[in-house]
Amino acid sequence: MFLGDTVRYVEPGRPALPLGLGALSIDTARVDTVAFPQGAGLLLYTDGLTEARNASGTFYDPVGRFTGRRHSGPDALLDALLADVYRHTDGRRTDDMALLAITRASDDASPPSARRWRPESR
């Protein structure tokens, strides 16, 4: 979660099986609630982001790399994130990556238009 230049992970209250494997568990469904104040942003991502490695094998750390940085909204965050991952990995991709960024605007703000990103072909 992003709020100003503060970045933190939002972790579930209890660990659970990955998506699609819930039928293998005897655990019941549960919901975690997290405060999402106006102006905060939320980045959802697949493991392709955090498992992106540089030439020395260091994994990409979005919290460490984005703490202290501000973004004007989800589009700016995604643009900066993709550019930073590209720099971190020297352009090498070994896994797919799905990213979704949202911001909680003020109650009187008009909704932004959606933007769709298409990856360049390999």
PDB file of N, CA and C in Angstrom:
ATOM      1  N   MET A   1       0.841  -1.160   0.000  1.00  0.00           N
ATOM      2  CA  MET A   1       0.000   0.000   0.000  1.00  0.00           C
ATOM      3  C   MET A   1       0.893   1.232   0.000  1.00  0.00           C
ATOM      4  N   PHE A   2       0.492   2.255  -0.748  1.00  0.00           N
ATOM      5  CA  PHE A   2       1.215   3.504  -0.866  1.00  0.00           C
ATOM      6  C   PHE A   2       0.372   4.619  -0.256  1.00  0.00           C
ATOM      7  N   LEU A   3       0.975   5.436   0.566  1.00  0.00           N
ATOM      8  CA  LEU A   3       0.318   6.634   1.081  1.00  0.00           C
ATOM      9  C   LEU A   3       1.397   7.698   1.190  1.00  0.00           C
ATOM     10  N   GLY A   4       1.315   8.704   0.316  1.00  0.00           N
ATOM     11  CA  GLY A   4       2.394   9.689   0.229  1.00  0.00           C
ATOM     12  C   GLY A   4       3.652   8.999  -0.245  1.00  0.00           C
ATOM     13  N   ASP A   5       4.735   9.127   0.523  1.00  0.00           N
ATOM     14  CA  ASP A   5       5.975   8.447   0.139  1.00  0.00           C
ATOM     15  C   ASP A   5       6.248   7.234   1.021  1.00  0.00           C
ATOM     16  N   THR A   6       5.212   6.781   1.755  1.00  0.00           N
ATOM     17  CA  THR A   6       5.324   5.591   2.593  1.00  0.00           C
ATOM     18  C   THR A   6       4.786   4.391   1.831  1.00  0.00           C
ATOM     19  N   VAL A   7       5.524   3.303   1.872  1.00  0.00           N
ATOM     20  CA  VAL A   7       5.134   2.075   1.182  1.00  0.00           C
ATOM     21  C   VAL A   7       5.217   0.930   2.175  1.00  0.00           C
ATOM     22  N   ARG A   8       4.215   0.057   2.168  1.00  0.00           N
ATOM     23  CA  ARG A   8       4.263  -1.111   3.049  1.00  0.00           C
ATOM     24  C   ARG A   8       3.518  -2.273   2.399  1.00  0.00           C
ATOM     25  N   TYR A   9       3.929  -3.475   2.788  1.00  0.00           N
ATOM     26  CA  TYR A   9       3.222  -4.668   2.359  1.00  0.00           C
ATOM     27  C   TYR A   9       1.926  -4.786   3.147  1.00  0.00           C
ATOM     28  N   VAL A  10       0.900  -5.314   2.534  1.00  0.00           N
ATOM     29  CA  VAL A  10      -0.344  -5.657   3.218  1.00  0.00           C
ATOM     30  C   VAL A  10      -0.402  -7.177   3.212  1.00  0.00           C
ATOM     31  N   GLU A  11      -0.285  -7.760   4.376  1.00  0.00           N
ATOM     32  CA  GLU A  11      -0.241  -9.217   4.513  1.00  0.00           C
ATOM     33  C   GLU A  11      -1.570  -9.743   5.044  1.00  0.00           C
ATOM     34  N   PRO A  12      -1.944 -10.959   4.665  1.00  0.00           N
ATOM     35  CA  PRO A  12      -3.162 -11.557   5.228  1.00  0.00           C
ATOM     36  C   PRO A  12      -2.980 -11.855   6.717  1.00  0.00           C
ATOM     37  N   GLY A  13      -4.097 -11.912   7.437  1.00  0.00           N
ATOM     38  CA  GLY A  13      -4.051 -12.220   8.860  1.00  0.00           C
ATOM     39  C   GLY A  13      -3.512 -13.613   9.129  1.00  0.00           C
ATOM     40  N   ARG A  14      -3.847 -14.554   8.267  1.00  0.00           N
ATOM     41  CA  ARG A  14      -3.346 -15.935   8.353  1.00  0.00           C
ATOM     42  C   ARG A  14      -2.960 -16.390   6.953  1.00  0.00           C
ATOM     43  N   PRO A  15      -1.911 -17.178   6.834  1.00  0.00           N
ATOM     44  CA  PRO A  15      -1.544 -17.682   5.506  1.00  0.00           C
ATOM     45  C   PRO A  15      -2.627 -18.604   4.957  1.00  0.00           C
ATOM     46  N   ALA A  16      -2.697 -18.682   3.654  1.00  0.00           N
ATOM     47  CA  ALA A  16      -3.680 -19.540   2.994  1.00  0.00           C
ATOM     48  C   ALA A  16      -3.048 -20.155   1.752  1.00  0.00           C
ATOM     49  N   LEU A  17      -3.719 -21.115   1.190  1.00  0.00           N
ATOM     50  CA  LEU A  17      -3.248 -21.731  -0.049  1.00  0.00           C
ATOM     51  C   LEU A  17      -3.345 -20.731  -1.196  1.00  0.00           C
ATOM     52  N   PRO A  18      -2.554 -20.894  -2.244  1.00  0.00           N
ATOM     53  CA  PRO A  18      -2.636 -20.003  -3.406  1.00  0.00           C
ATOM     54  C   PRO A  18      -4.011 -20.082  -4.061  1.00  0.00           C
ATOM     55  N   LEU A  19      -4.328 -19.054  -4.834  1.00  0.00           N
ATOM     56  CA  LEU A  19      -5.593 -19.029  -5.559  1.00  0.00           C
ATOM     57  C   LEU A  19      -5.760 -20.307  -6.383  1.00  0.00           C
ATOM     58  N   GLY A  20      -6.952 -20.836  -6.391  1.00  0.00           N
ATOM     59  CA  GLY A  20      -7.250 -22.031  -7.162  1.00  0.00           C
ATOM     60  C   GLY A  20      -7.029 -23.328  -6.414  1.00  0.00           C
ATOM     61  N   LEU A  21      -6.401 -23.279  -5.248  1.00  0.00           N
ATOM     62  CA  LEU A  21      -6.140 -24.497  -4.487  1.00  0.00           C
ATOM     63  C   LEU A  21      -6.974 -24.577  -3.211  1.00  0.00           C
ATOM     64  N   GLY A  22      -7.902 -23.662  -3.031  1.00  0.00           N
ATOM     65  CA  GLY A  22      -8.722 -23.613  -1.826  1.00  0.00           C
ATOM     66  C   GLY A  22      -9.528 -24.871  -1.576  1.00  0.00           C
ATOM     67  N   ALA A  23      -9.894 -25.604  -2.625  1.00  0.00           N
ATOM     68  CA  ALA A  23     -10.672 -26.833  -2.462  1.00  0.00           C
ATOM     69  C   ALA A  23      -9.883 -27.903  -1.706  1.00  0.00           C
ATOM     70  N   LEU A  24      -8.572 -27.752  -1.644  1.00  0.00           N
ATOM     71  CA  LEU A  24      -7.734 -28.728  -0.951  1.00  0.00           C
ATOM     72  C   LEU A  24      -7.658 -28.472   0.551  1.00  0.00           C
ATOM     73  N   SER A  25      -8.247 -27.381   1.001  1.00  0.00           N
ATOM     74  CA  SER A  25      -8.152 -26.981   2.396  1.00  0.00           C
ATOM     75  C   SER A  25      -9.453 -27.255   3.144  1.00  0.00           C
ATOM     76  N   ILE A  26      -9.331 -27.546   4.429  1.00  0.00           N
ATOM     77  CA  ILE A  26     -10.525 -27.692   5.260  1.00  0.00           C
ATOM     78  C   ILE A  26     -10.860 -26.365   5.930  1.00  0.00           C
ATOM     79  N   ASP A  27     -10.001 -25.382   5.740  1.00  0.00           N
ATOM     80  CA  ASP A  27     -10.191 -24.050   6.310  1.00  0.00           C
ATOM     81  C   ASP A  27     -11.390 -23.373   5.649  1.00  0.00           C
ATOM     82  N   THR A  28     -12.145 -22.605   6.409  1.00  0.00           N
ATOM     83  CA  THR A  28     -13.286 -21.892   5.851  1.00  0.00           C
ATOM     84  C   THR A  28     -12.834 -20.563   5.262  1.00  0.00           C
ATOM     85  N   ALA A  29     -13.655 -20.021   4.390  1.00  0.00           N
ATOM     86  CA  ALA A  29     -13.342 -18.735   3.772  1.00  0.00           C
ATOM     87  C   ALA A  29     -13.313 -17.644   4.838  1.00  0.00           C
ATOM     88  N   ARG A  30     -12.444 -16.689   4.637  1.00  0.00           N
ATOM     89  CA  ARG A  30     -12.353 -15.578   5.578  1.00  0.00           C
ATOM     90  C   ARG A  30     -12.024 -14.308   4.807  1.00  0.00           C
ATOM     91  N   VAL A  31     -12.246 -13.192   5.453  1.00  0.00           N
ATOM     92  CA  VAL A  31     -11.985 -11.895   4.844  1.00  0.00           C
ATOM     93  C   VAL A  31     -11.122 -11.081   5.793  1.00  0.00           C
ATOM     94  N   ASP A  32     -10.064 -10.488   5.286  1.00  0.00           N
ATOM     95  CA  ASP A  32      -9.248  -9.553   6.052  1.00  0.00           C
ATOM     96  C   ASP A  32      -9.660  -8.143   5.642  1.00  0.00           C
ATOM     97  N   THR A  33      -9.734  -7.252   6.593  1.00  0.00           N
ATOM     98  CA  THR A  33     -10.080  -5.862   6.322  1.00  0.00           C
ATOM     99  C   THR A  33      -8.861  -4.998   6.595  1.00  0.00           C
ATOM    100  N   VAL A  34      -8.580  -4.104   5.673  1.00  0.00           N
ATOM    101  CA  VAL A  34      -7.429  -3.219   5.781  1.00  0.00           C
ATOM    102  C   VAL A  34      -7.908  -1.791   5.530  1.00  0.00           C
ATOM    103  N   ALA A  35      -7.452  -0.854   6.345  1.00  0.00           N
ATOM    104  CA  ALA A  35      -7.795   0.552   6.127  1.00  0.00           C
ATOM    105  C   ALA A  35      -7.252   1.004   4.779  1.00  0.00           C
ATOM    106  N   PHE A  36      -8.057   1.739   4.022  1.00  0.00           N
ATOM    107  CA  PHE A  36      -7.667   2.235   2.698  1.00  0.00           C
ATOM    108  C   PHE A  36      -8.099   3.699   2.612  1.00  0.00           C
ATOM    109  N   PRO A  37      -7.309   4.588   3.233  1.00  0.00           N
ATOM    110  CA  PRO A  37      -7.714   5.996   3.321  1.00  0.00           C
ATOM    111  C   PRO A  37      -7.660   6.717   1.978  1.00  0.00           C
ATOM    112  N   GLN A  38      -8.350   7.852   1.905  1.00  0.00           N
ATOM    113  CA  GLN A  38      -8.310   8.664   0.692  1.00  0.00           C
ATOM    114  C   GLN A  38      -6.870   9.037   0.375  1.00  0.00           C
ATOM    115  N   GLY A  39      -6.525   8.951  -0.900  1.00  0.00           N
ATOM    116  CA  GLY A  39      -5.172   9.268  -1.340  1.00  0.00           C
ATOM    117  C   GLY A  39      -4.224   8.085  -1.322  1.00  0.00           C
ATOM    118  N   ALA A  40      -4.631   6.979  -0.712  1.00  0.00           N
ATOM    119  CA  ALA A  40      -3.772   5.794  -0.669  1.00  0.00           C
ATOM    120  C   ALA A  40      -3.866   5.036  -1.993  1.00  0.00           C
ATOM    121  N   GLY A  41      -2.817   4.319  -2.303  1.00  0.00           N
ATOM    122  CA  GLY A  41      -2.784   3.491  -3.495  1.00  0.00           C
ATOM    123  C   GLY A  41      -2.515   2.051  -3.105  1.00  0.00           C
ATOM    124  N   LEU A  42      -3.011   1.145  -3.919  1.00  0.00           N
ATOM    125  CA  LEU A  42      -2.811  -0.278  -3.677  1.00  0.00           C
ATOM    126  C   LEU A  42      -2.284  -0.906  -4.951  1.00  0.00           C
ATOM    127  N   LEU A  43      -1.200  -1.663  -4.820  1.00  0.00           N
ATOM    128  CA  LEU A  43      -0.606  -2.366  -5.951  1.00  0.00           C
ATOM    129  C   LEU A  43      -0.788  -3.856  -5.732  1.00  0.00           C
ATOM    130  N   LEU A  44      -1.461  -4.502  -6.650  1.00  0.00           N
ATOM    131  CA  LEU A  44      -1.613  -5.959  -6.636  1.00  0.00           C
ATOM    132  C   LEU A  44      -0.722  -6.500  -7.747  1.00  0.00           C
ATOM    133  N   TYR A  45      -0.015  -7.593  -7.459  1.00  0.00           N
ATOM    134  CA  TYR A  45       0.934  -8.106  -8.436  1.00  0.00           C
ATOM    135  C   TYR A  45       1.112  -9.609  -8.278  1.00  0.00           C
ATOM    136  N   THR A  46       1.582 -10.226  -9.344  1.00  0.00           N
ATOM    137  CA  THR A  46       1.909 -11.649  -9.314  1.00  0.00           C
ATOM    138  C   THR A  46       3.379 -11.810  -8.939  1.00  0.00           C
ATOM    139  N   ASP A  47       3.778 -13.048  -8.732  1.00  0.00           N
ATOM    140  CA  ASP A  47       5.153 -13.325  -8.299  1.00  0.00           C
ATOM    141  C   ASP A  47       6.193 -12.957  -9.345  1.00  0.00           C
ATOM    142  N   GLY A  48       5.786 -12.707 -10.569  1.00  0.00           N
ATOM    143  CA  GLY A  48       6.737 -12.284 -11.584  1.00  0.00           C
ATOM    144  C   GLY A  48       7.438 -10.984 -11.230  1.00  0.00           C
ATOM    145  N   LEU A  49       6.794 -10.155 -10.407  1.00  0.00           N
ATOM    146  CA  LEU A  49       7.414  -8.902  -9.974  1.00  0.00           C
ATOM    147  C   LEU A  49       8.496  -9.171  -8.930  1.00  0.00           C
ATOM    148  N   THR A  50       8.143  -9.832  -7.856  1.00  0.00           N
ATOM    149  CA  THR A  50       9.090 -10.021  -6.756  1.00  0.00           C
ATOM    150  C   THR A  50      10.142 -11.083  -7.051  1.00  0.00           C
ATOM    151  N   GLU A  51       9.925 -11.888  -8.066  1.00  0.00           N
ATOM    152  CA  GLU A  51      10.930 -12.886  -8.437  1.00  0.00           C
ATOM    153  C   GLU A  51      11.807 -12.430  -9.598  1.00  0.00           C
ATOM    154  N   ALA A  52      11.616 -11.192 -10.057  1.00  0.00           N
ATOM    155  CA  ALA A  52      12.493 -10.636 -11.092  1.00  0.00           C
ATOM    156  C   ALA A  52      13.866 -10.432 -10.461  1.00  0.00           C
ATOM    157  N   ARG A  53      14.901 -10.943 -11.126  1.00  0.00           N
ATOM    158  CA  ARG A  53      16.257 -10.893 -10.560  1.00  0.00           C
ATOM    159  C   ARG A  53      17.179 -10.040 -11.422  1.00  0.00           C
ATOM    160  N   ASN A  54      18.159  -9.455 -10.748  1.00  0.00           N
ATOM    161  CA  ASN A  54      19.197  -8.749 -11.496  1.00  0.00           C
ATOM    162  C   ASN A  54      20.314  -9.729 -11.841  1.00  0.00           C
ATOM    163  N   ALA A  55      21.381  -9.243 -12.446  1.00  0.00           N
ATOM    164  CA  ALA A  55      22.467 -10.116 -12.906  1.00  0.00           C
ATOM    165  C   ALA A  55      23.134 -10.876 -11.759  1.00  0.00           C
ATOM    166  N   SER A  56      23.124 -10.309 -10.542  1.00  0.00           N
ATOM    167  CA  SER A  56      23.743 -11.004  -9.410  1.00  0.00           C
ATOM    168  C   SER A  56      22.757 -11.908  -8.670  1.00  0.00           C
ATOM    169  N   GLY A  57      21.515 -12.003  -9.166  1.00  0.00           N
ATOM    170  CA  GLY A  57      20.531 -12.899  -8.562  1.00  0.00           C
ATOM    171  C   GLY A  57      19.671 -12.276  -7.480  1.00  0.00           C
ATOM    172  N   THR A  58      19.783 -10.969  -7.262  1.00  0.00           N
ATOM    173  CA  THR A  58      18.986 -10.294  -6.242  1.00  0.00           C
ATOM    174  C   THR A  58      17.549 -10.104  -6.724  1.00  0.00           C
ATOM    175  N   PHE A  59      16.592 -10.528  -5.892  1.00  0.00           N
ATOM    176  CA  PHE A  59      15.183 -10.376  -6.229  1.00  0.00           C
ATOM    177  C   PHE A  59      14.773  -8.903  -6.177  1.00  0.00           C
ATOM    178  N   TYR A  60      13.756  -8.555  -6.950  1.00  0.00           N
ATOM    179  CA  TYR A  60      13.215  -7.196  -6.957  1.00  0.00           C
ATOM    180  C   TYR A  60      12.378  -6.987  -5.693  1.00  0.00           C
ATOM    181  N   ASP A  61      12.584  -5.869  -5.008  1.00  0.00           N
ATOM    182  CA  ASP A  61      11.871  -5.534  -3.775  1.00  0.00           C
ATOM    183  C   ASP A  61      11.091  -4.243  -3.988  1.00  0.00           C
ATOM    184  N   PRO A  62       9.787  -4.323  -4.311  1.00  0.00           N
ATOM    185  CA  PRO A  62       9.031  -3.099  -4.603  1.00  0.00           C
ATOM    186  C   PRO A  62       8.944  -2.146  -3.415  1.00  0.00           C
ATOM    187  N   VAL A  63       8.842  -2.654  -2.202  1.00  0.00           N
ATOM    188  CA  VAL A  63       8.751  -1.759  -1.040  1.00  0.00           C
ATOM    189  C   VAL A  63      10.064  -1.011  -0.855  1.00  0.00           C
ATOM    190  N   GLY A  64      11.160  -1.723  -0.869  1.00  0.00           N
ATOM    191  CA  GLY A  64      12.455  -1.085  -0.694  1.00  0.00           C
ATOM    192  C   GLY A  64      12.780  -0.088  -1.789  1.00  0.00           C
ATOM    193  N   ARG A  65      12.381  -0.378  -3.001  1.00  0.00           N
ATOM    194  CA  ARG A  65      12.724   0.481  -4.125  1.00  0.00           C
ATOM    195  C   ARG A  65      11.787   1.672  -4.277  1.00  0.00           C
ATOM    196  N   PHE A  66      10.580   1.600  -3.695  1.00  0.00           N
ATOM    197  CA  PHE A  66       9.627   2.693  -3.878  1.00  0.00           C
ATOM    198  C   PHE A  66       9.357   3.510  -2.623  1.00  0.00           C
ATOM    199  N   THR A  67       9.893   3.107  -1.484  1.00  0.00           N
ATOM    200  CA  THR A  67       9.748   3.927  -0.282  1.00  0.00           C
ATOM    201  C   THR A  67      10.441   5.261  -0.525  1.00  0.00           C
ATOM    202  N   GLY A  68       9.757   6.338  -0.181  1.00  0.00           N
ATOM    203  CA  GLY A  68      10.310   7.667  -0.376  1.00  0.00           C
ATOM    204  C   GLY A  68       9.979   8.289  -1.720  1.00  0.00           C
ATOM    205  N   ARG A  69       9.319   7.563  -2.590  1.00  0.00           N
ATOM    206  CA  ARG A  69       8.953   8.089  -3.907  1.00  0.00           C
ATOM    207  C   ARG A  69       7.454   8.350  -3.950  1.00  0.00           C
ATOM    208  N   ARG A  70       7.047   9.409  -4.597  1.00  0.00           N
ATOM    209  CA  ARG A  70       5.631   9.747  -4.749  1.00  0.00           C
ATOM    210  C   ARG A  70       5.229   9.604  -6.219  1.00  0.00           C
ATOM    211  N   HIS A  71       3.960   9.286  -6.427  1.00  0.00           N
ATOM    212  CA  HIS A  71       3.426   9.135  -7.778  1.00  0.00           C
ATOM    213  C   HIS A  71       2.088   9.843  -7.846  1.00  0.00           C
ATOM    214  N   SER A  72       1.789  10.409  -8.992  1.00  0.00           N
ATOM    215  CA  SER A  72       0.566  11.189  -9.134  1.00  0.00           C
ATOM    216  C   SER A  72      -0.680  10.328  -9.273  1.00  0.00           C
ATOM    217  N   GLY A  73      -0.529   9.048  -9.451  1.00  0.00           N
ATOM    218  CA  GLY A  73      -1.680   8.160  -9.585  1.00  0.00           C
ATOM    219  C   GLY A  73      -1.249   6.797 -10.069  1.00  0.00           C
ATOM    220  N   PRO A  74      -2.215   5.903 -10.303  1.00  0.00           N
ATOM    221  CA  PRO A  74      -1.900   4.528 -10.710  1.00  0.00           C
ATOM    222  C   PRO A  74      -1.099   4.432 -12.002  1.00  0.00           C
ATOM    223  N   ASP A  75      -1.428   5.254 -13.006  1.00  0.00           N
ATOM    224  CA  ASP A  75      -0.684   5.188 -14.265  1.00  0.00           C
ATOM    225  C   ASP A  75       0.779   5.533 -14.058  1.00  0.00           C
ATOM    226  N   ALA A  76       1.034   6.603 -13.305  1.00  0.00           N
ATOM    227  CA  ALA A  76       2.418   7.020 -13.042  1.00  0.00           C
ATOM    228  C   ALA A  76       3.161   5.954 -12.244  1.00  0.00           C
ATOM    229  N   LEU A  77       2.481   5.345 -11.278  1.00  0.00           N
ATOM    230  CA  LEU A  77       3.104   4.276 -10.489  1.00  0.00           C
ATOM    231  C   LEU A  77       3.482   3.104 -11.374  1.00  0.00           C
ATOM    232  N   LEU A  78       2.559   2.653 -12.222  1.00  0.00           N
ATOM    233  CA  LEU A  78       2.846   1.504 -13.093  1.00  0.00           C
ATOM    234  C   LEU A  78       3.958   1.819 -14.088  1.00  0.00           C
ATOM    235  N   ASP A  79       3.936   3.020 -14.650  1.00  0.00           N
ATOM    236  CA  ASP A  79       5.009   3.402 -15.578  1.00  0.00           C
ATOM    237  C   ASP A  79       6.366   3.379 -14.876  1.00  0.00           C
ATOM    238  N   ALA A  80       6.439   3.968 -13.678  1.00  0.00           N
ATOM    239  CA  ALA A  80       7.698   3.998 -12.929  1.00  0.00           C
ATOM    240  C   ALA A  80       8.124   2.595 -12.516  1.00  0.00           C
ATOM    241  N   LEU A  81       7.175   1.773 -12.112  1.00  0.00           N
ATOM    242  CA  LEU A  81       7.472   0.410 -11.679  1.00  0.00           C
ATOM    243  C   LEU A  81       8.024  -0.420 -12.829  1.00  0.00           C
ATOM    244  N   LEU A  82       7.373  -0.376 -13.974  1.00  0.00           N
ATOM    245  CA  LEU A  82       7.858  -1.139 -15.126  1.00  0.00           C
ATOM    246  C   LEU A  82       9.248  -0.688 -15.552  1.00  0.00           C
ATOM    247  N   ALA A  83       9.482   0.613 -15.552  1.00  0.00           N
ATOM    248  CA  ALA A  83      10.812   1.120 -15.914  1.00  0.00           C
ATOM    249  C   ALA A  83      11.856   0.668 -14.896  1.00  0.00           C
ATOM    250  N   ASP A  84      11.494   0.663 -13.615  1.00  0.00           N
ATOM    251  CA  ASP A  84      12.433   0.259 -12.574  1.00  0.00           C
ATOM    252  C   ASP A  84      12.747  -1.236 -12.638  1.00  0.00           C
ATOM    253  N   VAL A  85      11.747  -2.051 -12.895  1.00  0.00           N
ATOM    254  CA  VAL A  85      11.986  -3.496 -13.045  1.00  0.00           C
ATOM    255  C   VAL A  85      12.870  -3.747 -14.262  1.00  0.00           C
ATOM    256  N   TYR A  86      12.619  -3.025 -15.333  1.00  0.00           N
ATOM    257  CA  TYR A  86      13.436  -3.169 -16.541  1.00  0.00           C
ATOM    258  C   TYR A  86      14.900  -2.842 -16.231  1.00  0.00           C
ATOM    259  N   ARG A  87      15.122  -1.737 -15.493  1.00  0.00           N
ATOM    260  CA  ARG A  87      16.497  -1.379 -15.109  1.00  0.00           C
ATOM    261  C   ARG A  87      17.103  -2.439 -14.192  1.00  0.00           C
ATOM    262  N   HIS A  88      16.325  -2.915 -13.225  1.00  0.00           N
ATOM    263  CA  HIS A  88      16.815  -3.906 -12.263  1.00  0.00           C
ATOM    264  C   HIS A  88      17.267  -5.191 -12.959  1.00  0.00           C
ATOM    265  N   THR A  89      16.521  -5.608 -13.965  1.00  0.00           N
ATOM    266  CA  THR A  89      16.802  -6.884 -14.634  1.00  0.00           C
ATOM    267  C   THR A  89      17.612  -6.718 -15.923  1.00  0.00           C
ATOM    268  N   ASP A  90      18.010  -5.500 -16.229  1.00  0.00           N
ATOM    269  CA  ASP A  90      18.686  -5.214 -17.507  1.00  0.00           C
ATOM    270  C   ASP A  90      17.844  -5.679 -18.686  1.00  0.00           C
ATOM    271  N   GLY A  91      16.526  -5.606 -18.529  1.00  0.00           N
ATOM    272  CA  GLY A  91      15.611  -5.950 -19.610  1.00  0.00           C
ATOM    273  C   GLY A  91      15.327  -7.430 -19.769  1.00  0.00           C
ATOM    274  N   ARG A  92      15.909  -8.277 -18.933  1.00  0.00           N
ATOM    275  CA  ARG A  92      15.673  -9.728 -19.040  1.00  0.00           C
ATOM    276  C   ARG A  92      14.379 -10.091 -18.311  1.00  0.00           C
ATOM    277  N   ARG A  93      13.522 -10.813 -18.982  1.00  0.00           N
ATOM    278  CA  ARG A  93      12.294 -11.300 -18.342  1.00  0.00           C
ATOM    279  C   ARG A  93      12.286 -12.815 -18.398  1.00  0.00           C
ATOM    280  N   THR A  94      12.060 -13.438 -17.253  1.00  0.00           N
ATOM    281  CA  THR A  94      12.006 -14.900 -17.208  1.00  0.00           C
ATOM    282  C   THR A  94      10.638 -15.392 -16.748  1.00  0.00           C
ATOM    283  N   ASP A  95       9.745 -14.478 -16.383  1.00  0.00           N
ATOM    284  CA  ASP A  95       8.424 -14.853 -15.882  1.00  0.00           C
ATOM    285  C   ASP A  95       7.434 -13.788 -16.319  1.00  0.00           C
ATOM    286  N   ASP A  96       6.167 -14.184 -16.397  1.00  0.00           N
ATOM    287  CA  ASP A  96       5.141 -13.197 -16.701  1.00  0.00           C
ATOM    288  C   ASP A  96       4.882 -12.354 -15.456  1.00  0.00           C
ATOM    289  N   MET A  97       4.283 -11.192 -15.670  1.00  0.00           N
ATOM    290  CA  MET A  97       4.029 -10.280 -14.565  1.00  0.00           C
ATOM    291  C   MET A  97       2.685  -9.603 -14.816  1.00  0.00           C
ATOM    292  N   ALA A  98       1.796  -9.678 -13.832  1.00  0.00           N
ATOM    293  CA  ALA A  98       0.526  -8.966 -13.903  1.00  0.00           C
ATOM    294  C   ALA A  98       0.504  -7.936 -12.787  1.00  0.00           C
ATOM    295  N   LEU A  99       0.134  -6.708 -13.125  1.00  0.00           N
ATOM    296  CA  LEU A  99       0.117  -5.609 -12.168  1.00  0.00           C
ATOM    297  C   LEU A  99      -1.218  -4.890 -12.234  1.00  0.00           C
ATOM    298  N   LEU A 100      -1.726  -4.502 -11.088  1.00  0.00           N
ATOM    299  CA  LEU A 100      -2.941  -3.701 -11.013  1.00  0.00           C
ATOM    300  C   LEU A 100      -2.727  -2.669  -9.920  1.00  0.00           C
ATOM    301  N   ALA A 101      -2.857  -1.391 -10.259  1.00  0.00           N
ATOM    302  CA  ALA A 101      -2.699  -0.321  -9.278  1.00  0.00           C
ATOM    303  C   ALA A 101      -3.999   0.465  -9.210  1.00  0.00           C
ATOM    304  N   ILE A 102      -4.441   0.743  -8.000  1.00  0.00           N
ATOM    305  CA  ILE A 102      -5.634   1.548  -7.790  1.00  0.00           C
ATOM    306  C   ILE A 102      -5.340   2.603  -6.734  1.00  0.00           C
ATOM    307  N   THR A 103      -6.059   3.696  -6.804  1.00  0.00           N
ATOM    308  CA  THR A 103      -5.940   4.769  -5.816  1.00  0.00           C
ATOM    309  C   THR A 103      -7.327   5.099  -5.312  1.00  0.00           C
ATOM    310  N   ARG A 104      -7.429   5.344  -4.013  1.00  0.00           N
ATOM    311  CA  ARG A 104      -8.704   5.785  -3.461  1.00  0.00           C
ATOM    312  C   ARG A 104      -8.728   7.305  -3.521  1.00  0.00           C
ATOM    313  N   ALA A 105      -9.555   7.809  -4.412  1.00  0.00           N
ATOM    314  CA  ALA A 105      -9.689   9.246  -4.587  1.00  0.00           C
ATOM    315  C   ALA A 105     -10.648   9.797  -3.542  1.00  0.00           C
ATOM    316  N   SER A 106     -10.762  11.107  -3.497  1.00  0.00           N
ATOM    317  CA  SER A 106     -11.730  11.713  -2.589  1.00  0.00           C
ATOM    318  C   SER A 106     -13.137  11.373  -3.073  1.00  0.00           C
ATOM    319  N   ASP A 107     -14.096  11.446  -2.191  1.00  0.00           N
ATOM    320  CA  ASP A 107     -15.468  11.069  -2.521  1.00  0.00           C
ATOM    321  C   ASP A 107     -16.073  11.924  -3.627  1.00  0.00           C
ATOM    322  N   ASP A 108     -15.590  13.150  -3.810  1.00  0.00           N
ATOM    323  CA  ASP A 108     -16.164  14.034  -4.824  1.00  0.00           C
ATOM    324  C   ASP A 108     -15.388  14.030  -6.140  1.00  0.00           C
ATOM    325  N   ALA A 109     -14.366  13.204  -6.254  1.00  0.00           N
ATOM    326  CA  ALA A 109     -13.550  13.155  -7.475  1.00  0.00           C
ATOM    327  C   ALA A 109     -14.278  12.386  -8.570  1.00  0.00           C
ATOM    328  N   SER A 110     -14.091  12.827  -9.806  1.00  0.00           N
ATOM    329  CA  SER A 110     -14.683  12.090 -10.924  1.00  0.00           C
ATOM    330  C   SER A 110     -13.801  10.893 -11.238  1.00  0.00           C
ATOM    331  N   PRO A 111     -14.396   9.794 -11.711  1.00  0.00           N
ATOM    332  CA  PRO A 111     -13.595   8.592 -11.980  1.00  0.00           C
ATOM    333  C   PRO A 111     -12.655   8.808 -13.155  1.00  0.00           C
ATOM    334  N   PRO A 112     -11.423   8.293 -13.045  1.00  0.00           N
ATOM    335  CA  PRO A 112     -10.480   8.411 -14.168  1.00  0.00           C
ATOM    336  C   PRO A 112     -10.843   7.438 -15.273  1.00  0.00           C
ATOM    337  N   SER A 113     -10.342   7.713 -16.455  1.00  0.00           N
ATOM    338  CA  SER A 113     -10.565   6.782 -17.552  1.00  0.00           C
ATOM    339  C   SER A 113      -9.602   5.610 -17.412  1.00  0.00           C
ATOM    340  N   ALA A 114     -10.016   4.455 -17.875  1.00  0.00           N
ATOM    341  CA  ALA A 114      -9.180   3.252 -17.777  1.00  0.00           C
ATOM    342  C   ALA A 114      -8.136   3.272 -18.885  1.00  0.00           C
ATOM    343  N   ARG A 115      -6.967   2.731 -18.587  1.00  0.00           N
ATOM    344  CA  ARG A 115      -5.907   2.614 -19.580  1.00  0.00           C
ATOM    345  C   ARG A 115      -5.487   1.166 -19.637  1.00  0.00           C
ATOM    346  N   ARG A 116      -5.342   0.638 -20.821  1.00  0.00           N
ATOM    347  CA  ARG A 116      -4.935  -0.749 -20.978  1.00  0.00           C
ATOM    348  C   ARG A 116      -3.521  -0.790 -21.521  1.00  0.00           C
ATOM    349  N   TRP A 117      -2.685  -1.602 -20.882  1.00  0.00           N
ATOM    350  CA  TRP A 117      -1.291  -1.719 -21.298  1.00  0.00           C
ATOM    351  C   TRP A 117      -1.103  -3.039 -21.997  1.00  0.00           C
ATOM    352  N   ARG A 118      -0.427  -3.031 -23.099  1.00  0.00           N
ATOM    353  CA  ARG A 118      -0.122  -4.248 -23.828  1.00  0.00           C
ATOM    354  C   ARG A 118       1.399  -4.417 -23.893  1.00  0.00           C
ATOM    355  N   PRO A 119       1.890  -5.574 -23.466  1.00  0.00           N
ATOM    356  CA  PRO A 119       3.345  -5.785 -23.488  1.00  0.00           C
ATOM    357  C   PRO A 119       3.866  -5.858 -24.915  1.00  0.00           C
ATOM    358  N   GLU A 120       5.107  -5.424 -25.059  1.00  0.00           N
ATOM    359  CA  GLU A 120       5.739  -5.553 -26.367  1.00  0.00           C
ATOM    360  C   GLU A 120       5.967  -7.040 -26.636  1.00  0.00           C
ATOM    361  N   SER A 121       5.962  -7.409 -27.893  1.00  0.00           N
ATOM    362  CA  SER A 121       6.149  -8.825 -28.214  1.00  0.00           C
ATOM    363  C   SER A 121       7.596  -9.207 -28.043  1.00  0.00           C
ATOM    364  N   ARG A 122       7.821 -10.470 -27.711  1.00  0.00           N
ATOM    365  CA  ARG A 122       9.187 -10.966 -27.485  1.00  0.00           C
ATOM    366  C   ARG A 122       9.845 -11.328 -28.767  1.00  0.00           C
TER     367      ARG A 122
END
